[in-house]
Amino acid sequence: MRLRRRDALFAAAALPWWSTPVSAALPAPTGTVVLSVGGTLRAPNAGAEAQFDMAMLEALPQHELRVRTPWYDGVRLFTGPLLRDVLDRAGAHGTALRARALNNYRVDIPVDDVRRWDVVLARLLDGKPMSVREKGPLFVMYPFDRHDELRSAVYYSRCIWQLRSIEVR
């Protein structure tokens, strides 16, 4: 059976994000590592992990998310790469993410969340880097104001701040 070009394009588009080939080797971080991704990866850059410094996260396409949250007054602007882009860059493949904060708080995030919604790995709050005191340097943020179904304790609990590592399972 021979696939036509159009059929091949549709088939490729239907593949999940983690099954796409990694475009280039992930370089080693040159600055302080702010995020370590481990687990099932195709593109580690430090042993079995993919480590990112802030410059590596800044180099990914940046997205802005204006959103009301339970943690701040009013609408705030969160900026950073999409979490799925970070995972894609690491060659991650799996069904669940175990995210861990600097204080060892852990939360599981279904991979389906980052495929379905534009979950931002925020590195800026209102245009400025977030200190640890301000819930930084990284904060997983869901697009609450774009999808009413996200305004629940389940999704709020997945917004881990002071993120330091992700294990892909």
Foldseek 3Di string as FASTA:
>chain_A
DDDDPVRVVVVVVPDDLLPDDQPDAQEDDPDDFQEKEAADFDHDHPVRINTDDVVRFVPADKDWAFDDDPVDPDTKIFMTQFPSRVCSNRSFDAFWKWWAAPVGDTDIDTPVQSRVFRWGFGQDINRHGADVVRQDNTWTHTNCVVDVVCPDPNNSSVGHGNTHYMYGD
